[in-house]
PDB file of N, CA and C in Angstrom:
ATOM      1  N   MET A   1      12.007 -19.810 -22.421  1.00  0.00           N
ATOM      2  CA  MET A   1      13.030 -20.716 -21.956  1.00  0.00           C
ATOM      3  C   MET A   1      14.043 -20.922 -23.069  1.00  0.00           C
ATOM      4  N   THR A   2      15.287 -20.838 -22.724  1.00  0.00           N
ATOM      5  CA  THR A   2      16.352 -21.118 -23.678  1.00  0.00           C
ATOM      6  C   THR A   2      17.378 -22.013 -23.008  1.00  0.00           C
ATOM      7  N   GLY A   3      18.102 -22.724 -23.811  1.00  0.00           N
ATOM      8  CA  GLY A   3      19.184 -23.562 -23.323  1.00  0.00           C
ATOM      9  C   GLY A   3      20.281 -23.604 -24.367  1.00  0.00           C
ATOM     10  N   HIS A   4      21.513 -23.425 -23.939  1.00  0.00           N
ATOM     11  CA  HIS A   4      22.649 -23.438 -24.848  1.00  0.00           C
ATOM     12  C   HIS A   4      23.603 -24.536 -24.385  1.00  0.00           C
ATOM     13  N   PHE A   5      23.947 -25.440 -25.311  1.00  0.00           N
ATOM     14  CA  PHE A   5      24.811 -26.578 -25.012  1.00  0.00           C
ATOM     15  C   PHE A   5      26.009 -26.552 -25.950  1.00  0.00           C
ATOM     16  N   GLU A   6      27.146 -27.018 -25.463  1.00  0.00           N
ATOM     17  CA  GLU A   6      28.341 -27.109 -26.300  1.00  0.00           C
ATOM     18  C   GLU A   6      29.054 -28.424 -26.025  1.00  0.00           C
ATOM     19  N   ARG A   7      29.750 -28.880 -27.066  1.00  0.00           N
ATOM     20  CA  ARG A   7      30.572 -30.088 -26.947  1.00  0.00           C
ATOM     21  C   ARG A   7      31.908 -29.812 -27.620  1.00  0.00           C
ATOM     22  N   HIS A   8      32.986 -30.039 -26.878  1.00  0.00           N
ATOM     23  CA  HIS A   8      34.339 -29.811 -27.382  1.00  0.00           C
ATOM     24  C   HIS A   8      35.135 -31.112 -27.272  1.00  0.00           C
ATOM     25  N   VAL A   9      35.722 -31.536 -28.398  1.00  0.00           N
ATOM     26  CA  VAL A   9      36.625 -32.688 -28.415  1.00  0.00           C
ATOM     27  C   VAL A   9      37.841 -32.264 -29.242  1.00  0.00           C
ATOM     28  N   PRO A  10      38.862 -31.686 -28.589  1.00  0.00           N
ATOM     29  CA  PRO A  10      40.019 -31.176 -29.332  1.00  0.00           C
ATOM     30  C   PRO A  10      40.725 -32.244 -30.174  1.00  0.00           C
ATOM     31  N   ALA A  11      40.773 -33.467 -29.703  1.00  0.00           N
ATOM     32  CA  ALA A  11      41.459 -34.523 -30.449  1.00  0.00           C
ATOM     33  C   ALA A  11      40.796 -34.777 -31.806  1.00  0.00           C
ATOM     34  N   ASP A  12      39.487 -34.555 -31.884  1.00  0.00           N
ATOM     35  CA  ASP A  12      38.739 -34.747 -33.134  1.00  0.00           C
ATOM     36  C   ASP A  12      38.457 -33.425 -33.843  1.00  0.00           C
ATOM     37  N   ASN A  13      39.025 -32.319 -33.344  1.00  0.00           N
ATOM     38  CA  ASN A  13      38.766 -30.989 -33.897  1.00  0.00           C
ATOM     39  C   ASN A  13      37.268 -30.692 -33.920  1.00  0.00           C
ATOM     40  N   MET A  14      36.581 -31.069 -32.823  1.00  0.00           N
ATOM     41  CA  MET A  14      35.142 -30.884 -32.736  1.00  0.00           C
ATOM     42  C   MET A  14      34.807 -29.773 -31.751  1.00  0.00           C
ATOM     43  N   ALA A  15      34.025 -28.822 -32.205  1.00  0.00           N
ATOM     44  CA  ALA A  15      33.504 -27.747 -31.354  1.00  0.00           C
ATOM     45  C   ALA A  15      32.105 -27.443 -31.868  1.00  0.00           C
ATOM     46  N   ARG A  16      31.097 -28.012 -31.206  1.00  0.00           N
ATOM     47  CA  ARG A  16      29.724 -27.912 -31.687  1.00  0.00           C
ATOM     48  C   ARG A  16      28.828 -27.249 -30.650  1.00  0.00           C
ATOM     49  N   PHE A  17      27.720 -26.682 -31.127  1.00  0.00           N
ATOM     50  CA  PHE A  17      26.731 -26.077 -30.238  1.00  0.00           C
ATOM     51  C   PHE A  17      25.356 -26.654 -30.544  1.00  0.00           C
ATOM     52  N   TYR A  18      24.466 -26.534 -29.567  1.00  0.00           N
ATOM     53  CA  TYR A  18      23.063 -26.922 -29.726  1.00  0.00           C
ATOM     54  C   TYR A  18      22.266 -25.951 -28.881  1.00  0.00           C
ATOM     55  N   ARG A  19      21.236 -25.337 -29.447  1.00  0.00           N
ATOM     56  CA  ARG A  19      20.470 -24.318 -28.729  1.00  0.00           C
ATOM     57  C   ARG A  19      18.985 -24.634 -28.840  1.00  0.00           C
ATOM     58  N   LEU A  20      18.273 -24.500 -27.734  1.00  0.00           N
ATOM     59  CA  LEU A  20      16.829 -24.701 -27.672  1.00  0.00           C
ATOM     60  C   LEU A  20      16.164 -23.406 -27.218  1.00  0.00           C
ATOM     61  N   GLU A  21      15.090 -23.017 -27.896  1.00  0.00           N
ATOM     62  CA  GLU A  21      14.349 -21.812 -27.522  1.00  0.00           C
ATOM     63  C   GLU A  21      12.853 -22.096 -27.632  1.00  0.00           C
ATOM     64  N   ILE A  22      12.103 -21.806 -26.576  1.00  0.00           N
ATOM     65  CA  ILE A  22      10.645 -21.938 -26.589  1.00  0.00           C
ATOM     66  C   ILE A  22      10.049 -20.540 -26.580  1.00  0.00           C
ATOM     67  N   GLN A  23       9.123 -20.295 -27.531  1.00  0.00           N
ATOM     68  CA  GLN A  23       8.498 -18.981 -27.638  1.00  0.00           C
ATOM     69  C   GLN A  23       7.044 -19.128 -28.048  1.00  0.00           C
ATOM     70  N   PRO A  24       6.183 -18.213 -27.605  1.00  0.00           N
ATOM     71  CA  PRO A  24       4.802 -18.231 -28.100  1.00  0.00           C
ATOM     72  C   PRO A  24       4.769 -17.734 -29.540  1.00  0.00           C
ATOM     73  N   THR A  25       3.804 -18.225 -30.291  1.00  0.00           N
ATOM     74  CA  THR A  25       3.645 -17.762 -31.673  1.00  0.00           C
ATOM     75  C   THR A  25       2.493 -16.763 -31.734  1.00  0.00           C
ATOM     76  N   LEU A  26       2.317 -16.137 -32.872  1.00  0.00           N
ATOM     77  CA  LEU A  26       1.226 -15.184 -33.056  1.00  0.00           C
ATOM     78  C   LEU A  26      -0.131 -15.867 -33.159  1.00  0.00           C
ATOM     79  N   PHE A  27      -0.154 -17.181 -33.310  1.00  0.00           N
ATOM     80  CA  PHE A  27      -1.395 -17.917 -33.513  1.00  0.00           C
ATOM     81  C   PHE A  27      -1.897 -18.599 -32.249  1.00  0.00           C
ATOM     82  N   GLY A  28      -1.267 -18.329 -31.111  1.00  0.00           N
ATOM     83  CA  GLY A  28      -1.734 -18.868 -29.838  1.00  0.00           C
ATOM     84  C   GLY A  28      -1.113 -20.196 -29.447  1.00  0.00           C
ATOM     85  N   ASP A  29      -0.260 -20.758 -30.287  1.00  0.00           N
ATOM     86  CA  ASP A  29       0.426 -21.981 -29.897  1.00  0.00           C
ATOM     87  C   ASP A  29       1.868 -21.649 -29.528  1.00  0.00           C
ATOM     88  N   TRP A  30       2.697 -22.675 -29.376  1.00  0.00           N
ATOM     89  CA  TRP A  30       4.076 -22.482 -28.919  1.00  0.00           C
ATOM     90  C   TRP A  30       5.042 -23.115 -29.903  1.00  0.00           C
ATOM     91  N   SER A  31       6.218 -22.534 -30.023  1.00  0.00           N
ATOM     92  CA  SER A  31       7.225 -23.077 -30.927  1.00  0.00           C
ATOM     93  C   SER A  31       8.487 -23.446 -30.150  1.00  0.00           C
ATOM     94  N   LEU A  32       9.122 -24.522 -30.609  1.00  0.00           N
ATOM     95  CA  LEU A  32      10.415 -24.943 -30.090  1.00  0.00           C
ATOM     96  C   LEU A  32      11.393 -24.809 -31.247  1.00  0.00           C
ATOM     97  N   ARG A  33      12.327 -23.893 -31.121  1.00  0.00           N
ATOM     98  CA  ARG A  33      13.337 -23.681 -32.157  1.00  0.00           C
ATOM     99  C   ARG A  33      14.623 -24.357 -31.716  1.00  0.00           C
ATOM    100  N   ARG A  34      15.119 -25.269 -32.563  1.00  0.00           N
ATOM    101  CA  ARG A  34      16.379 -25.956 -32.304  1.00  0.00           C
ATOM    102  C   ARG A  34      17.385 -25.478 -33.336  1.00  0.00           C
ATOM    103  N   SER A  35      18.556 -25.084 -32.887  1.00  0.00           N
ATOM    104  CA  SER A  35      19.625 -24.737 -33.823  1.00  0.00           C
ATOM    105  C   SER A  35      20.886 -25.461 -33.374  1.00  0.00           C
ATOM    106  N   TRP A  36      21.696 -25.862 -34.360  1.00  0.00           N
ATOM    107  CA  TRP A  36      22.887 -26.640 -34.067  1.00  0.00           C
ATOM    108  C   TRP A  36      23.918 -26.452 -35.167  1.00  0.00           C
ATOM    109  N   GLY A  37      25.158 -26.769 -34.835  1.00  0.00           N
ATOM    110  CA  GLY A  37      26.224 -26.678 -35.830  1.00  0.00           C
ATOM    111  C   GLY A  37      27.576 -26.490 -35.176  1.00  0.00           C
ATOM    112  N   ARG A  38      28.535 -26.151 -36.002  1.00  0.00           N
ATOM    113  CA  ARG A  38      29.892 -25.897 -35.525  1.00  0.00           C
ATOM    114  C   ARG A  38      29.937 -24.505 -34.896  1.00  0.00           C
ATOM    115  N   ILE A  39      30.630 -24.373 -33.777  1.00  0.00           N
ATOM    116  CA  ILE A  39      30.758 -23.080 -33.111  1.00  0.00           C
ATOM    117  C   ILE A  39      31.439 -22.105 -34.059  1.00  0.00           C
ATOM    118  N   GLY A  40      30.878 -20.911 -34.178  1.00  0.00           N
ATOM    119  CA  GLY A  40      31.407 -19.902 -35.079  1.00  0.00           C
ATOM    120  C   GLY A  40      30.638 -19.806 -36.388  1.00  0.00           C
ATOM    121  N   THR A  41      29.669 -20.722 -36.591  1.00  0.00           N
ATOM    122  CA  THR A  41      28.834 -20.676 -37.785  1.00  0.00           C
ATOM    123  C   THR A  41      27.390 -20.447 -37.372  1.00  0.00           C
ATOM    124  N   PHE A  42      26.537 -20.168 -38.349  1.00  0.00           N
ATOM    125  CA  PHE A  42      25.111 -20.028 -38.066  1.00  0.00           C
ATOM    126  C   PHE A  42      24.463 -21.390 -37.864  1.00  0.00           C
ATOM    127  N   GLY A  43      25.029 -22.418 -38.468  1.00  0.00           N
ATOM    128  CA  GLY A  43      24.505 -23.766 -38.310  1.00  0.00           C
ATOM    129  C   GLY A  43      23.176 -23.950 -39.020  1.00  0.00           C
ATOM    130  N   ARG A  44      22.411 -24.899 -38.529  1.00  0.00           N
ATOM    131  CA  ARG A  44      21.103 -25.217 -39.093  1.00  0.00           C
ATOM    132  C   ARG A  44      20.052 -24.988 -38.033  1.00  0.00           C
ATOM    133  N   ALA A  45      18.784 -24.935 -38.458  1.00  0.00           N
ATOM    134  CA  ALA A  45      17.705 -24.703 -37.501  1.00  0.00           C
ATOM    135  C   ALA A  45      16.453 -25.455 -37.928  1.00  0.00           C
ATOM    136  N   ARG A  46      15.640 -25.779 -36.948  1.00  0.00           N
ATOM    137  CA  ARG A  46      14.344 -26.412 -37.178  1.00  0.00           C
ATOM    138  C   ARG A  46      13.361 -25.859 -36.145  1.00  0.00           C
ATOM    139  N   VAL A  47      12.142 -25.595 -36.580  1.00  0.00           N
ATOM    140  CA  VAL A  47      11.107 -25.087 -35.688  1.00  0.00           C
ATOM    141  C   VAL A  47       9.958 -26.078 -35.659  1.00  0.00           C
ATOM    142  N   GLU A  48       9.531 -26.444 -34.452  1.00  0.00           N
ATOM    143  CA  GLU A  48       8.376 -27.321 -34.268  1.00  0.00           C
ATOM    144  C   GLU A  48       7.319 -26.555 -33.493  1.00  0.00           C
ATOM    145  N   ARG A  49       6.057 -26.777 -33.824  1.00  0.00           N
ATOM    146  CA  ARG A  49       4.961 -26.093 -33.135  1.00  0.00           C
ATOM    147  C   ARG A  49       4.228 -27.067 -32.230  1.00  0.00           C
ATOM    148  N   PHE A  50       3.789 -26.550 -31.066  1.00  0.00           N
ATOM    149  CA  PHE A  50       3.069 -27.337 -30.078  1.00  0.00           C
ATOM    150  C   PHE A  50       1.834 -26.575 -29.630  1.00  0.00           C
ATOM    151  N   ALA A  51       0.801 -27.300 -29.228  1.00  0.00           N
ATOM    152  CA  ALA A  51      -0.448 -26.677 -28.802  1.00  0.00           C
ATOM    153  C   ALA A  51      -0.309 -25.974 -27.453  1.00  0.00           C
ATOM    154  N   THR A  52       0.535 -26.520 -26.576  1.00  0.00           N
ATOM    155  CA  THR A  52       0.685 -25.939 -25.239  1.00  0.00           C
ATOM    156  C   THR A  52       2.152 -25.710 -24.909  1.00  0.00           C
ATOM    157  N   ALA A  53       2.374 -24.831 -23.957  1.00  0.00           N
ATOM    158  CA  ALA A  53       3.739 -24.569 -23.495  1.00  0.00           C
ATOM    159  C   ALA A  53       4.312 -25.804 -22.808  1.00  0.00           C
ATOM    160  N   GLU A  54       3.454 -26.563 -22.111  1.00  0.00           N
ATOM    161  CA  GLU A  54       3.915 -27.757 -21.412  1.00  0.00           C
ATOM    162  C   GLU A  54       4.435 -28.806 -22.393  1.00  0.00           C
ATOM    163  N   ALA A  55       3.756 -28.964 -23.530  1.00  0.00           N
ATOM    164  CA  ALA A  55       4.204 -29.931 -24.539  1.00  0.00           C
ATOM    165  C   ALA A  55       5.548 -29.504 -25.133  1.00  0.00           C
ATOM    166  N   ALA A  56       5.704 -28.221 -25.395  1.00  0.00           N
ATOM    167  CA  ALA A  56       6.970 -27.712 -25.932  1.00  0.00           C
ATOM    168  C   ALA A  56       8.091 -27.891 -24.913  1.00  0.00           C
ATOM    169  N   LEU A  57       7.792 -27.624 -23.653  1.00  0.00           N
ATOM    170  CA  LEU A  57       8.794 -27.774 -22.594  1.00  0.00           C
ATOM    171  C   LEU A  57       9.192 -29.242 -22.417  1.00  0.00           C
ATOM    172  N   ALA A  58       8.235 -30.156 -22.502  1.00  0.00           N
ATOM    173  CA  ALA A  58       8.546 -31.576 -22.378  1.00  0.00           C
ATOM    174  C   ALA A  58       9.451 -32.025 -23.526  1.00  0.00           C
ATOM    175  N   ALA A  59       9.166 -31.575 -24.734  1.00  0.00           N
ATOM    176  CA  ALA A  59      10.010 -31.923 -25.882  1.00  0.00           C
ATOM    177  C   ALA A  59      11.416 -31.351 -25.709  1.00  0.00           C
ATOM    178  N   ALA A  60      11.519 -30.112 -25.215  1.00  0.00           N
ATOM    179  CA  ALA A  60      12.820 -29.483 -25.000  1.00  0.00           C
ATOM    180  C   ALA A  60      13.618 -30.242 -23.937  1.00  0.00           C
ATOM    181  N   ARG A  61      12.949 -30.685 -22.889  1.00  0.00           N
ATOM    182  CA  ARG A  61      13.641 -31.447 -21.839  1.00  0.00           C
ATOM    183  C   ARG A  61      14.172 -32.772 -22.379  1.00  0.00           C
ATOM    184  N   ARG A  62      13.366 -33.457 -23.198  1.00  0.00           N
ATOM    185  CA  ARG A  62      13.829 -34.721 -23.789  1.00  0.00           C
ATOM    186  C   ARG A  62      15.068 -34.494 -24.654  1.00  0.00           C
ATOM    187  N   LEU A  63      15.038 -33.442 -25.469  1.00  0.00           N
ATOM    188  CA  LEU A  63      16.186 -33.143 -26.320  1.00  0.00           C
ATOM    189  C   LEU A  63      17.413 -32.771 -25.495  1.00  0.00           C
ATOM    190  N   ALA A  64      17.218 -31.975 -24.438  1.00  0.00           N
ATOM    191  CA  ALA A  64      18.335 -31.563 -23.587  1.00  0.00           C
ATOM    192  C   ALA A  64      18.973 -32.777 -22.915  1.00  0.00           C
ATOM    193  N   GLU A  65      18.154 -33.697 -22.427  1.00  0.00           N
ATOM    194  CA  GLU A  65      18.692 -34.906 -21.786  1.00  0.00           C
ATOM    195  C   GLU A  65      19.477 -35.748 -22.787  1.00  0.00           C
ATOM    196  N   ALA A  66      18.959 -35.853 -24.000  1.00  0.00           N
ATOM    197  CA  ALA A  66      19.665 -36.636 -25.028  1.00  0.00           C
ATOM    198  C   ALA A  66      21.009 -36.002 -25.356  1.00  0.00           C
ATOM    199  N   LYS A  67      21.061 -34.688 -25.452  1.00  0.00           N
ATOM    200  CA  LYS A  67      22.326 -34.010 -25.763  1.00  0.00           C
ATOM    201  C   LYS A  67      23.330 -34.195 -24.631  1.00  0.00           C
ATOM    202  N   CYS A  68      22.871 -34.122 -23.394  1.00  0.00           N
ATOM    203  CA  CYS A  68      23.779 -34.313 -22.256  1.00  0.00           C
ATOM    204  C   CYS A  68      24.326 -35.740 -22.233  1.00  0.00           C
ATOM    205  N   ARG A  69      23.506 -36.725 -22.605  1.00  0.00           N
ATOM    206  CA  ARG A  69      23.996 -38.104 -22.686  1.00  0.00           C
ATOM    207  C   ARG A  69      25.065 -38.253 -23.762  1.00  0.00           C
ATOM    208  N   ARG A  70      25.015 -37.420 -24.791  1.00  0.00           N
ATOM    209  CA  ARG A  70      25.989 -37.495 -25.884  1.00  0.00           C
ATOM    210  C   ARG A  70      27.231 -36.649 -25.641  1.00  0.00           C
ATOM    211  N   GLY A  71      27.341 -36.035 -24.460  1.00  0.00           N
ATOM    212  CA  GLY A  71      28.562 -35.319 -24.116  1.00  0.00           C
ATOM    213  C   GLY A  71      28.470 -33.808 -24.182  1.00  0.00           C
ATOM    214  N   TYR A  72      27.303 -33.261 -24.495  1.00  0.00           N
ATOM    215  CA  TYR A  72      27.142 -31.809 -24.502  1.00  0.00           C
ATOM    216  C   TYR A  72      27.017 -31.316 -23.067  1.00  0.00           C
ATOM    217  N   VAL A  73      27.484 -30.106 -22.825  1.00  0.00           N
ATOM    218  CA  VAL A  73      27.418 -29.486 -21.502  1.00  0.00           C
ATOM    219  C   VAL A  73      26.562 -28.242 -21.614  1.00  0.00           C
ATOM    220  N   ARG A  74      25.610 -28.100 -20.690  1.00  0.00           N
ATOM    221  CA  ARG A  74      24.757 -26.913 -20.700  1.00  0.00           C
ATOM    222  C   ARG A  74      25.534 -25.739 -20.118  1.00  0.00           C
ATOM    223  N   LEU A  75      25.546 -24.630 -20.860  1.00  0.00           N
ATOM    224  CA  LEU A  75      26.243 -23.427 -20.418  1.00  0.00           C
ATOM    225  C   LEU A  75      25.250 -22.470 -19.774  1.00  0.00           C
ATOM    226  N   PRO A  76      25.712 -21.612 -18.870  1.00  0.00           N
ATOM    227  CA  PRO A  76      24.822 -20.620 -18.278  1.00  0.00           C
ATOM    228  C   PRO A  76      24.291 -19.669 -19.349  1.00  0.00           C
ATOM    229  N   GLU A  77      23.138 -19.108 -19.068  1.00  0.00           N
ATOM    230  CA  GLU A  77      22.540 -18.146 -20.001  1.00  0.00           C
ATOM    231  C   GLU A  77      23.480 -16.959 -20.175  1.00  0.00           C
ATOM    232  N   ARG A  78      23.515 -16.435 -21.386  1.00  0.00           N
ATOM    233  CA  ARG A  78      24.382 -15.283 -21.659  1.00  0.00           C
ATOM    234  C   ARG A  78      23.641 -14.340 -22.588  1.00  0.00           C
ATOM    235  N   LEU A  79      24.002 -13.081 -22.518  1.00  0.00           N
ATOM    236  CA  LEU A  79      23.390 -12.088 -23.391  1.00  0.00           C
ATOM    237  C   LEU A  79      24.049 -12.120 -24.750  1.00  0.00           C
ATOM    238  N   ASP A  80      23.245 -12.092 -25.792  1.00  0.00           N
ATOM    239  CA  ASP A  80      23.773 -11.976 -27.136  1.00  0.00           C
ATOM    240  C   ASP A  80      23.810 -10.495 -27.500  1.00  0.00           C
ATOM    241  N   LEU A  81      24.945  -9.867 -27.313  1.00  0.00           N
ATOM    242  CA  LEU A  81      25.086  -8.442 -27.560  1.00  0.00           C
ATOM    243  C   LEU A  81      25.646  -8.204 -28.957  1.00  0.00           C
ATOM    244  N   PRO A  82      25.219  -7.122 -29.596  1.00  0.00           N
ATOM    245  CA  PRO A  82      25.773  -6.818 -30.918  1.00  0.00           C
ATOM    246  C   PRO A  82      27.247  -6.433 -30.796  1.00  0.00           C
ATOM    247  N   PHE A  83      27.971  -6.622 -31.893  1.00  0.00           N
ATOM    248  CA  PHE A  83      29.377  -6.266 -31.907  1.00  0.00           C
ATOM    249  C   PHE A  83      29.532  -4.746 -31.944  1.00  0.00           C
ATOM    250  N   GLY A  84      30.632  -4.273 -31.414  1.00  0.00           N
ATOM    251  CA  GLY A  84      30.929  -2.846 -31.445  1.00  0.00           C
ATOM    252  C   GLY A  84      30.225  -2.093 -30.335  1.00  0.00           C
ATOM    253  N   ARG A  85      30.441  -0.796 -30.328  1.00  0.00           N
ATOM    254  CA  ARG A  85      29.835   0.060 -29.311  1.00  0.00           C
ATOM    255  C   ARG A  85      28.835   0.990 -29.965  1.00  0.00           C
ATOM    256  N   GLY A  86      27.916   1.446 -29.154  1.00  0.00           N
ATOM    257  CA  GLY A  86      26.924   2.385 -29.662  1.00  0.00           C
ATOM    258  C   GLY A  86      25.771   1.678 -30.328  1.00  0.00           C
ATOM    259  N   ALA A  87      24.830   2.464 -30.809  1.00  0.00           N
ATOM    260  CA  ALA A  87      23.637   1.871 -31.410  1.00  0.00           C
ATOM    261  C   ALA A  87      23.733   1.700 -32.852  1.00  0.00           C
TER     262      ALA A  87
END
């Protein structure tokens, strides 16, 4: 599960992103990776581990709801393709 959120406020020169990703780990638990920052930068990231996928999903939903309350808009899923053509 992934979620990509953005917030734009041109009057304040604000263009920010927030991304949530849930993935299984090699140790049998689940991780929630949060990354955020100004659009066009790598930003910052934090990874939290959970015992179950349901716990990770519940945490991701809480974070997503909080971001939407603060003015972020969830964008449709998109492919992250490498720049240029060819391999």
